[in-house]
Amino acid sequence: KKKAAIIIMAVEKQTLMQHILRCDYEACRQYLMNLEQAVVLEQNLQMLQTFIGHRCDGNRNILHACVSVCFPTSNKETKEEEEA
């Protein structure tokens, strides 16, 4: 009487979250411009729902990810700022 469990993980590709976590400003801007065009033209309203539903580790959303990557990694001044 042996029992087994099967676990299946379905991972959804999230393009905007990847760009945010990599701090790729240009790719984020392009994605948001495409999203805006799709919503204005009412071509793909599901794209907006997908955007709102983006999550990453710890169930963080897009805003949480933006805040986590926007602060400096250390509080030390750079050499250029010290010389100025």
C-alpha atoms as a PDB file:
ATOM      1  CA  LYS A   1       0.000   0.000   0.000  1.00  0.00           C
ATOM      2  CA  LYS A   2       2.294   2.681  -1.304  1.00  0.00           C
ATOM      3  CA  LYS A   3       1.103   6.139  -2.156  1.00  0.00           C
ATOM      4  CA  ALA A   4       2.633   8.600  -4.549  1.00  0.00           C
ATOM      5  CA  ALA A   5       2.006  12.251  -5.210  1.00  0.00           C
ATOM      6  CA  ILE A   6       2.475  13.987  -8.515  1.00  0.00           C
ATOM      7  CA  ILE A   7       3.001  17.731  -8.562  1.00  0.00           C
ATOM      8  CA  ILE A   8       2.800  19.707 -11.775  1.00  0.00           C
ATOM      9  CA  MET A   9       3.883  23.317 -12.012  1.00  0.00           C
ATOM     10  CA  ALA A  10       2.620  25.413 -14.895  1.00  0.00           C
ATOM     11  CA  VAL A  11       4.807  28.469 -15.320  1.00  0.00           C
ATOM     12  CA  GLU A  12       3.438  31.420 -17.265  1.00  0.00           C
ATOM     13  CA  LYS A  13       5.888  33.565 -19.201  1.00  0.00           C
ATOM     14  CA  GLN A  14       5.875  37.115 -17.847  1.00  0.00           C
ATOM     15  CA  THR A  15       7.811  39.420 -20.105  1.00  0.00           C
ATOM     16  CA  LEU A  16       7.363  42.695 -18.245  1.00  0.00           C
ATOM     17  CA  MET A  17       8.453  41.237 -14.897  1.00  0.00           C
ATOM     18  CA  GLN A  18      11.681  39.995 -16.500  1.00  0.00           C
ATOM     19  CA  HIS A  19      12.444  43.463 -17.832  1.00  0.00           C
ATOM     20  CA  ILE A  20      11.750  45.076 -14.457  1.00  0.00           C
ATOM     21  CA  LEU A  21      13.956  42.670 -12.531  1.00  0.00           C
ATOM     22  CA  ARG A  22      16.770  43.207 -15.057  1.00  0.00           C
ATOM     23  CA  CYS A  23      16.305  47.014 -14.837  1.00  0.00           C
ATOM     24  CA  ASP A  24      15.813  47.228 -18.605  1.00  0.00           C
ATOM     25  CA  TYR A  25      14.144  50.632 -18.894  1.00  0.00           C
ATOM     26  CA  GLU A  26      13.809  50.656 -22.677  1.00  0.00           C
ATOM     27  CA  ALA A  27      12.139  47.229 -22.831  1.00  0.00           C
ATOM     28  CA  CYS A  28       9.703  48.231 -20.048  1.00  0.00           C
ATOM     29  CA  ARG A  29       8.828  51.439 -21.870  1.00  0.00           C
ATOM     30  CA  GLN A  30       8.238  49.581 -25.133  1.00  0.00           C
ATOM     31  CA  TYR A  31       6.037  46.973 -23.414  1.00  0.00           C
ATOM     32  CA  LEU A  32       3.922  49.674 -21.758  1.00  0.00           C
ATOM     33  CA  MET A  33       3.572  51.598 -25.026  1.00  0.00           C
ATOM     34  CA  ASN A  34       2.337  48.431 -26.747  1.00  0.00           C
ATOM     35  CA  LEU A  35      -0.079  47.825 -23.882  1.00  0.00           C
ATOM     36  CA  GLU A  36      -1.400  51.371 -24.124  1.00  0.00           C
ATOM     37  CA  GLN A  37      -1.928  51.048 -27.881  1.00  0.00           C
ATOM     38  CA  ALA A  38      -3.784  47.750 -27.448  1.00  0.00           C
ATOM     39  CA  VAL A  39      -6.087  49.231 -24.795  1.00  0.00           C
ATOM     40  CA  VAL A  40      -6.740  52.454 -26.716  1.00  0.00           C
ATOM     41  CA  LEU A  41      -7.577  50.518 -29.868  1.00  0.00           C
ATOM     42  CA  GLU A  42      -9.479  47.927 -27.809  1.00  0.00           C
ATOM     43  CA  GLN A  43      -7.661  45.170 -29.676  1.00  0.00           C
ATOM     44  CA  ASN A  44      -6.540  43.035 -26.790  1.00  0.00           C
ATOM     45  CA  LEU A  45      -8.126  43.787 -23.416  1.00  0.00           C
ATOM     46  CA  GLN A  46      -6.833  40.464 -22.080  1.00  0.00           C
ATOM     47  CA  MET A  47      -3.318  41.924 -22.302  1.00  0.00           C
ATOM     48  CA  LEU A  48      -4.289  44.477 -19.640  1.00  0.00           C
ATOM     49  CA  GLN A  49      -5.609  41.737 -17.346  1.00  0.00           C
ATOM     50  CA  THR A  50      -2.364  39.807 -17.852  1.00  0.00           C
ATOM     51  CA  PHE A  51      -0.370  42.929 -16.968  1.00  0.00           C
ATOM     52  CA  ILE A  52      -2.305  43.435 -13.748  1.00  0.00           C
ATOM     53  CA  GLY A  53      -1.900  39.777 -12.800  1.00  0.00           C
ATOM     54  CA  HIS A  54       1.910  39.622 -13.137  1.00  0.00           C
ATOM     55  CA  ARG A  55       3.472  38.201  -9.981  1.00  0.00           C
ATOM     56  CA  CYS A  56       6.939  37.047  -8.975  1.00  0.00           C
ATOM     57  CA  ASP A  57       8.545  35.381  -5.962  1.00  0.00           C
ATOM     58  CA  GLY A  58       6.626  35.876  -2.739  1.00  0.00           C
ATOM     59  CA  ASN A  59       3.500  36.879  -4.693  1.00  0.00           C
ATOM     60  CA  ARG A  60       4.928  40.360  -5.291  1.00  0.00           C
ATOM     61  CA  ASN A  61       3.288  42.396  -8.035  1.00  0.00           C
ATOM     62  CA  ILE A  62       4.819  44.803 -10.549  1.00  0.00           C
ATOM     63  CA  LEU A  63       4.967  47.745  -8.122  1.00  0.00           C
ATOM     64  CA  HIS A  64       6.716  45.667  -5.447  1.00  0.00           C
ATOM     65  CA  ALA A  65       9.302  44.531  -7.997  1.00  0.00           C
ATOM     66  CA  CYS A  66       9.911  48.121  -9.188  1.00  0.00           C
ATOM     67  CA  VAL A  67      10.505  49.344  -5.651  1.00  0.00           C
ATOM     68  CA  SER A  68      12.820  46.445  -4.809  1.00  0.00           C
ATOM     69  CA  VAL A  69      15.148  47.162  -7.750  1.00  0.00           C
ATOM     70  CA  CYS A  70      15.171  50.991  -7.574  1.00  0.00           C
ATOM     71  CA  PHE A  71      17.129  51.537  -4.361  1.00  0.00           C
ATOM     72  CA  PRO A  72      20.964  51.520  -4.248  1.00  0.00           C
ATOM     73  CA  THR A  73      22.746  48.351  -3.171  1.00  0.00           C
ATOM     74  CA  SER A  74      24.998  50.241  -0.745  1.00  0.00           C
ATOM     75  CA  ASN A  75      24.816  53.525   1.095  1.00  0.00           C
ATOM     76  CA  LYS A  76      28.406  54.518   0.310  1.00  0.00           C
ATOM     77  CA  GLU A  77      29.065  57.525  -1.895  1.00  0.00           C
ATOM     78  CA  THR A  78      30.703  56.923  -5.260  1.00  0.00           C
ATOM     79  CA  LYS A  79      34.101  58.394  -6.009  1.00  0.00           C
ATOM     80  CA  GLU A  80      32.667  60.901  -8.488  1.00  0.00           C
ATOM     81  CA  GLU A  81      30.241  62.254  -5.874  1.00  0.00           C
ATOM     82  CA  GLU A  82      33.018  62.511  -3.266  1.00  0.00           C
ATOM     83  CA  GLU A  83      35.245  64.481  -5.643  1.00  0.00           C
ATOM     84  CA  ALA A  84      32.443  66.885  -6.549  1.00  0.00           C
END
